[in-house]
Amino acid sequence: MTVPPPIVAPSILAADFSRLAEEVRAVEDAADWLHVDVMDNHFVPNLTIGLPVVQSLRAVTAMPFDVHLMIEDPRRWAPGYADAGAYNVTFHAEASDDPVALAKDLRSAGAKAGLAIDRDTPIEPYLDLLPSFDTLLIMTIKAGFGGQRFIPQLLEKVRTARRHVSSGHLELRIEVDGGIAADTIEQAAAAGADAFVAGTAVYGAADPAEAVRHLRALAERAAPGA
């Protein structure tokens, strides 16, 4: 089993919101994607940023935006992020009554389509939908708050997904989000993840760009077939 080269996506949820443009520029030469957590205080009990911030940041960097929608009614809001220039727009399976239809809408709008699976949601019911998606985001914490402790038991979902992707020869990124840091990224990579969201591990470091490079090196070393 082999996986694609790893992607590291710093999460601006852990950045200094008073100087977001500077925080983005601090990682743009090292990171692959910029992860943007959108929370609505309904689907999850927290409120973060929305479309206007994404539109503003789009003007200051060419980095691909990896938008993670932790919101109710993603069918209403998700295409707007694609229209704003997001590279990848991920919404939660738990919030969508027709994930495949929304994936088609996102692709039609010019974005990649991602499906997110929260901590307590089984992955098996969604495996047959994966050909309609470009990214599968598996939460390794409970969605809704940054800074939580990584839950290694959730990597079994990653292993299941990687087996399914490999056996079906699917073109799909398997992304993990939650508690990813230098002491956990190797476990996630060994399980078959190939895209890694890191918040505090990047923006809590003295040198965020160097932190990204270090995380990528750890993931490369631990990847199956490396």
Protein backbone atom coordinates (compact mmCIF):
# COMPACT_ATOMS: atom_id res chain seq x y z
CA MET A 1 0.00 0.00 0.00
CA THR A 2 1.38 3.38 -1.01
CA VAL A 3 0.00 6.85 -0.43
CA PRO A 4 0.54 10.18 -2.20
CA PRO A 5 3.18 12.61 -0.92
CA PRO A 6 1.95 14.24 2.27
CA ILE A 7 0.22 17.58 2.43
CA VAL A 8 0.48 19.80 5.49
CA ALA A 9 -2.31 22.32 5.97
CA PRO A 10 -1.83 24.83 8.80
CA SER A 11 -5.11 25.80 10.41
CA ILE A 12 -5.63 29.52 10.86
CA LEU A 13 -7.95 28.70 13.76
CA ALA A 14 -4.74 28.69 15.82
CA ALA A 15 -3.38 31.88 14.25
CA ASP A 16 -3.51 35.42 15.61
CA PHE A 17 -6.78 36.75 14.19
CA SER A 18 -5.63 40.34 14.65
CA ARG A 19 -3.00 39.85 11.94
CA LEU A 20 -4.26 37.03 9.76
CA ALA A 21 -2.58 38.21 6.56
CA GLU A 22 0.83 38.12 8.27
CA GLU A 23 0.09 34.71 9.76
CA VAL A 24 -0.78 33.36 6.33
CA ARG A 25 2.37 34.75 4.79
CA ALA A 26 4.42 33.15 7.57
CA VAL A 27 3.63 29.69 6.19
CA GLU A 28 2.98 30.23 2.49
CA ASP A 29 6.47 29.18 1.38
CA ALA A 30 6.32 25.96 3.40
CA ALA A 31 2.70 24.77 3.56
CA ASP A 32 0.76 22.97 0.85
CA TRP A 33 -2.74 24.17 1.78
CA LEU A 34 -4.16 26.71 4.20
CA HIS A 35 -6.88 25.16 6.35
CA VAL A 36 -9.84 27.42 7.14
CA ASP A 37 -12.24 26.25 9.86
CA VAL A 38 -15.73 27.70 9.47
CA MET A 39 -17.99 27.11 12.50
CA ASP A 40 -21.53 28.44 12.85
CA ASN A 41 -22.42 27.96 16.56
CA HIS A 42 -25.18 25.57 15.46
CA PHE A 43 -23.61 22.44 13.99
CA VAL A 44 -20.78 22.88 16.50
CA PRO A 45 -20.84 24.99 19.69
CA ASN A 46 -18.34 27.55 18.49
CA LEU A 47 -18.32 30.52 16.11
CA THR A 48 -15.34 31.39 13.96
CA ILE A 49 -14.95 33.05 10.57
CA GLY A 50 -17.00 33.03 7.41
CA LEU A 51 -17.05 33.88 3.74
CA PRO A 52 -15.95 37.55 4.01
CA VAL A 53 -12.70 36.55 5.71
CA VAL A 54 -12.02 33.92 3.06
CA GLN A 55 -12.64 36.48 0.34
CA SER A 56 -10.29 38.94 2.02
CA LEU A 57 -7.52 36.38 2.49
CA ARG A 58 -7.85 35.24 -1.11
CA ALA A 59 -6.55 38.66 -2.11
CA VAL A 60 -3.32 38.35 -0.10
CA THR A 61 -2.07 34.85 -0.95
CA ALA A 62 -2.03 32.32 -3.75
CA MET A 63 -2.05 29.36 -1.33
CA PRO A 64 -4.77 26.76 -1.95
CA PHE A 65 -7.54 27.19 0.61
CA ASP A 66 -8.77 24.02 2.29
CA VAL A 67 -12.10 25.14 3.73
CA HIS A 68 -13.68 22.94 6.41
CA LEU A 69 -17.34 23.76 6.93
CA MET A 70 -18.59 22.78 10.38
CA ILE A 71 -22.01 24.25 9.68
CA GLU A 72 -25.65 23.36 9.26
CA ASP A 73 -27.18 23.48 5.78
CA PRO A 74 -23.93 23.24 3.80
CA ARG A 75 -25.91 23.00 0.55
CA ARG A 76 -26.84 26.66 1.05
CA TRP A 77 -23.38 27.99 1.89
CA ALA A 78 -20.71 25.70 0.48
CA PRO A 79 -20.84 26.81 -3.19
CA GLY A 80 -20.09 30.37 -2.11
CA TYR A 81 -16.70 29.28 -0.84
CA ALA A 82 -15.98 27.61 -4.15
CA ASP A 83 -16.98 30.80 -5.93
CA ALA A 84 -14.63 32.74 -3.63
CA GLY A 85 -11.69 30.69 -4.90
CA ALA A 86 -11.37 27.90 -2.35
CA TYR A 87 -9.36 24.97 -3.70
CA ASN A 88 -11.12 22.36 -1.59
CA VAL A 89 -14.44 22.70 0.25
CA THR A 90 -15.23 20.04 2.83
CA PHE A 91 -18.60 19.67 4.54
CA HIS A 92 -19.80 17.23 7.19
CA ALA A 93 -21.65 14.06 6.33
CA GLU A 94 -23.74 14.56 9.47
CA ALA A 95 -25.04 17.90 8.16
CA SER A 96 -25.96 16.85 4.62
CA ASP A 97 -28.95 14.87 3.39
CA ASP A 98 -27.46 14.43 -0.10
CA PRO A 99 -23.65 14.56 0.02
CA VAL A 100 -23.17 13.41 -3.57
CA ALA A 101 -25.38 16.17 -4.97
CA LEU A 102 -23.46 18.81 -3.02
CA ALA A 103 -20.15 17.34 -4.18
CA LYS A 104 -21.34 17.77 -7.77
CA ASP A 105 -22.29 21.37 -7.06
CA LEU A 106 -18.85 22.11 -5.63
CA ARG A 107 -17.05 20.54 -8.54
CA SER A 108 -19.25 22.46 -10.96
CA ALA A 109 -18.26 25.65 -9.14
CA GLY A 110 -14.59 24.84 -9.69
CA ALA A 111 -13.57 23.42 -6.29
CA LYS A 112 -12.56 20.02 -5.05
CA ALA A 113 -15.21 18.36 -2.90
CA GLY A 114 -14.49 17.00 0.55
CA LEU A 115 -16.54 14.88 2.95
CA ALA A 116 -15.86 15.14 6.69
CA ILE A 117 -16.62 12.42 9.24
CA ASP A 118 -16.88 13.49 12.88
CA ARG A 119 -15.53 11.60 15.89
CA ASP A 120 -18.65 9.58 16.69
CA THR A 121 -19.75 8.84 13.12
CA PRO A 122 -19.03 5.41 11.60
CA ILE A 123 -17.22 5.62 8.30
CA GLU A 124 -18.62 2.47 6.69
CA PRO A 125 -21.94 3.97 5.47
CA TYR A 126 -20.02 6.55 3.44
CA LEU A 127 -17.37 4.42 1.77
CA ASP A 128 -19.44 3.84 -1.36
CA LEU A 129 -19.81 7.62 -1.81
CA LEU A 130 -16.08 8.26 -1.99
CA PRO A 131 -15.76 8.16 -5.81
CA SER A 132 -17.78 11.40 -5.80
CA PHE A 133 -15.22 13.16 -3.59
CA ASP A 134 -11.65 14.41 -3.78
CA THR A 135 -10.97 14.52 -0.05
CA LEU A 136 -12.12 12.51 2.94
CA LEU A 137 -11.51 14.37 6.20
CA ILE A 138 -11.51 12.16 9.27
CA MET A 139 -11.73 14.00 12.57
CA THR A 140 -9.26 12.74 15.15
CA ILE A 141 -11.06 14.80 17.81
CA LYS A 142 -14.64 16.01 18.26
CA ALA A 143 -15.31 18.77 15.74
CA GLY A 144 -15.80 22.24 17.13
CA PHE A 145 -12.75 23.34 19.10
CA GLY A 146 -9.04 23.71 18.46
CA GLY A 147 -6.37 22.50 20.85
CA GLN A 148 -7.95 19.14 21.71
CA ARG A 149 -5.97 15.99 22.43
CA PHE A 150 -5.51 13.54 19.54
CA ILE A 151 -7.57 10.32 19.84
CA PRO A 152 -5.49 7.47 18.38
CA GLN A 153 -8.41 5.01 18.32
CA LEU A 154 -9.96 7.07 15.51
CA LEU A 155 -7.13 6.05 13.22
CA GLU A 156 -8.99 2.80 12.62
CA LYS A 157 -11.28 4.86 10.37
CA VAL A 158 -8.21 6.03 8.46
CA ARG A 159 -7.04 2.44 8.01
CA THR A 160 -10.49 1.40 6.78
CA ALA A 161 -10.61 4.30 4.35
CA ARG A 162 -7.10 3.65 3.05
CA ARG A 163 -7.91 0.00 2.36
CA HIS A 164 -11.06 1.04 0.52
CA VAL A 165 -9.26 3.72 -1.51
CA SER A 166 -6.42 1.38 -2.40
CA SER A 167 -8.66 -1.52 -3.40
CA GLY A 168 -10.82 0.74 -5.53
CA HIS A 169 -7.88 2.67 -7.01
CA LEU A 170 -9.57 5.93 -6.05
CA GLU A 171 -7.99 9.36 -6.47
CA LEU A 172 -8.76 10.62 -2.99
CA ARG A 173 -6.87 12.47 -0.29
CA ILE A 174 -7.37 11.13 3.23
CA GLU A 175 -7.05 14.06 5.60
CA VAL A 176 -6.87 14.05 9.40
CA ASP A 177 -7.78 16.97 11.62
CA GLY A 178 -7.38 17.27 15.37
CA GLY A 179 -4.37 17.14 17.65
CA ILE A 180 -1.91 16.66 14.79
CA ALA A 181 1.59 17.52 15.99
CA ALA A 182 5.13 16.15 15.97
CA ASP A 183 4.19 13.43 18.44
CA THR A 184 1.08 12.23 16.55
CA ILE A 185 1.57 12.83 12.84
CA GLU A 186 3.63 9.68 12.34
CA GLN A 187 0.82 7.51 13.74
CA ALA A 188 -1.65 9.13 11.36
CA ALA A 189 0.67 8.77 8.38
CA ALA A 190 1.37 5.11 9.17
CA ALA A 191 -2.39 4.50 9.26
CA GLY A 192 -2.71 5.83 5.71
CA ALA A 193 -3.50 9.53 6.03
CA ASP A 194 -1.81 11.77 3.48
CA ALA A 195 -3.09 15.26 4.37
CA PHE A 196 -2.59 16.71 7.83
CA VAL A 197 -4.25 19.70 9.46
CA ALA A 198 -2.07 21.26 12.13
CA GLY A 199 -3.05 24.29 14.17
CA THR A 200 -1.23 24.85 17.43
CA ALA A 201 1.70 22.71 16.26
CA VAL A 202 2.36 25.30 13.55
CA TYR A 203 1.13 28.61 14.89
CA GLY A 204 2.31 27.91 18.42
CA ALA A 205 5.86 27.35 17.16
CA ALA A 206 8.57 30.00 17.16
CA ASP A 207 9.05 29.41 13.42
CA PRO A 208 5.75 28.31 11.83
CA ALA A 209 7.31 27.58 8.43
CA GLU A 210 9.98 25.35 9.95
CA ALA A 211 7.28 23.57 11.98
CA VAL A 212 5.45 22.77 8.73
CA ARG A 213 8.61 21.38 7.15
CA HIS A 214 9.33 19.24 10.20
CA LEU A 215 5.80 17.82 10.23
CA ARG A 216 6.02 16.97 6.54
CA ALA A 217 9.35 15.19 7.03
CA LEU A 218 7.89 13.12 9.87
CA ALA A 219 4.88 12.17 7.74
CA GLU A 220 7.07 11.22 4.78
CA ARG A 221 9.18 8.97 6.98
CA ALA A 222 6.19 7.16 8.47
CA ALA A 223 4.09 6.74 5.32
CA PRO A 224 3.36 3.17 4.18
CA GLY A 225 5.85 2.15 1.54
CA ALA A 226 8.29 4.90 2.51
